[in-house]
Amino acid sequence: MYFVSFATVYWIDVFTKQLYFNVLTESICFCREQKGMKLYAYCFMSNHMHFIFRSNNNQPTETIKRYTSNKVIEAIENNLQESRKYWLL
C-alpha cells in the first residue's frame, strides 16, 4: 500500500474550477478501472492531493500522475473561458 501526495507547480490553485476538479475524479475512475488501482482514501485540495492506494505495477506514482497531468493540461488548453491560461501552462 502507498501514500502519495502530488502538488501543482508553484502550488498554483488549479483545482478551484469544477472542470479541472472533474478531471481528477475521472482520472481516479480510469486508474481504478484500467490500471488496477485499489483506492483506500483520497483528498483533493485546490493545489495538491493525497492518495492511499495499492498498485498492480512497480511504479505507483505513474499509475495516477501521468494520466492525470496530461488530462489537466489538455483541459486548460481547451478551455476558452480560462482567463488564467497563460500562467497555468
Protein backbone atom coordinates (compact mmCIF):
# COMPACT_ATOMS: atom_id res chain seq x y z
CA MET A 1 0.00 0.00 0.00
CA TYR A 2 1.24 3.51 -0.80
CA PHE A 3 0.64 7.03 0.49
CA VAL A 4 1.33 9.53 -2.28
CA SER A 5 0.97 13.32 -2.46
CA PHE A 6 1.09 15.48 -5.57
CA ALA A 7 1.23 19.26 -5.75
CA THR A 8 0.83 21.63 -8.65
CA VAL A 9 3.89 23.55 -9.82
CA TYR A 10 4.42 26.58 -7.57
CA TRP A 11 1.34 25.45 -5.61
CA ILE A 12 -0.94 27.23 -8.11
CA ASP A 13 -4.64 26.82 -7.29
CA VAL A 14 -5.59 24.92 -10.43
CA PHE A 15 -8.44 22.90 -8.99
CA THR A 16 -10.67 25.78 -7.96
CA LYS A 17 -12.74 25.32 -11.12
CA GLN A 18 -15.17 22.42 -11.37
CA LEU A 19 -13.91 21.48 -14.85
CA TYR A 20 -10.41 20.70 -13.56
CA PHE A 21 -11.73 19.03 -10.42
CA ASN A 22 -13.77 16.74 -12.68
CA VAL A 23 -10.55 15.71 -14.42
CA LEU A 24 -9.27 14.44 -11.07
CA THR A 25 -12.36 12.38 -10.37
CA GLU A 26 -12.37 10.97 -13.92
CA SER A 27 -8.70 10.12 -13.53
CA ILE A 28 -9.37 8.14 -10.37
CA CYS A 29 -12.11 6.18 -12.15
CA PHE A 30 -9.79 5.50 -15.10
CA CYS A 31 -6.95 4.29 -12.88
CA ARG A 32 -9.27 2.03 -10.90
CA GLU A 33 -10.90 0.53 -13.99
CA GLN A 34 -7.97 0.39 -16.43
CA LYS A 35 -4.80 0.31 -14.33
CA GLY A 36 -5.82 -1.93 -11.45
CA MET A 37 -5.54 0.71 -8.73
CA LYS A 38 -7.25 -0.16 -5.47
CA LEU A 39 -8.09 3.12 -3.77
CA TYR A 40 -8.48 3.27 0.02
CA ALA A 41 -8.59 7.03 0.64
CA TYR A 42 -8.00 10.32 -1.15
CA CYS A 43 -8.22 14.03 -0.55
CA PHE A 44 -8.30 16.75 -3.22
CA MET A 45 -7.39 20.34 -2.42
CA SER A 46 -7.11 23.36 -4.71
CA ASN A 47 -3.39 22.82 -5.35
CA HIS A 48 -2.50 19.34 -4.14
CA MET A 49 -3.89 15.88 -3.44
CA HIS A 50 -3.25 12.82 -1.29
CA PHE A 51 -3.92 9.15 -2.04
CA ILE A 52 -3.69 5.89 -0.14
CA PHE A 53 -3.83 3.05 -2.63
CA ARG A 54 -2.45 -0.24 -3.83
CA SER A 55 -0.93 -0.55 -7.31
CA ASN A 56 -0.56 -3.56 -9.58
CA ASN A 57 2.70 -2.25 -11.07
CA ASN A 58 6.12 -1.29 -9.71
CA GLN A 59 5.65 2.44 -10.35
CA PRO A 60 2.77 3.54 -8.12
CA THR A 61 3.03 7.26 -8.79
CA GLU A 62 2.91 6.68 -12.54
CA THR A 63 -0.43 4.93 -12.07
CA ILE A 64 -2.03 8.28 -11.24
CA LYS A 65 0.32 11.11 -12.17
CA ARG A 66 0.99 10.62 -15.88
CA TYR A 67 -2.62 10.19 -16.98
CA THR A 68 -3.93 12.96 -14.72
CA SER A 69 -1.35 15.61 -15.60
CA ASN A 70 -1.91 15.11 -19.33
CA LYS A 71 -5.68 15.42 -18.92
CA VAL A 72 -5.45 18.56 -16.75
CA ILE A 73 -3.14 20.28 -19.26
CA GLU A 74 -5.48 19.31 -22.10
CA ALA A 75 -8.50 20.70 -20.20
CA ILE A 76 -6.71 24.02 -19.56
CA GLU A 77 -5.60 24.34 -23.18
CA ASN A 78 -9.11 23.65 -24.50
CA ASN A 79 -10.97 25.87 -22.04
CA LEU A 80 -11.81 29.03 -23.99
CA GLN A 81 -13.10 30.72 -20.84
CA GLU A 82 -9.90 30.23 -18.84
CA SER A 83 -8.53 33.71 -18.08
CA ARG A 84 -5.51 32.27 -16.21
CA LYS A 85 -4.35 30.05 -19.09
CA TYR A 86 -1.14 31.96 -19.82
CA TRP A 87 0.31 31.35 -16.36
CA LEU A 88 -1.34 27.99 -15.64
CA LEU A 89 0.55 26.43 -18.51
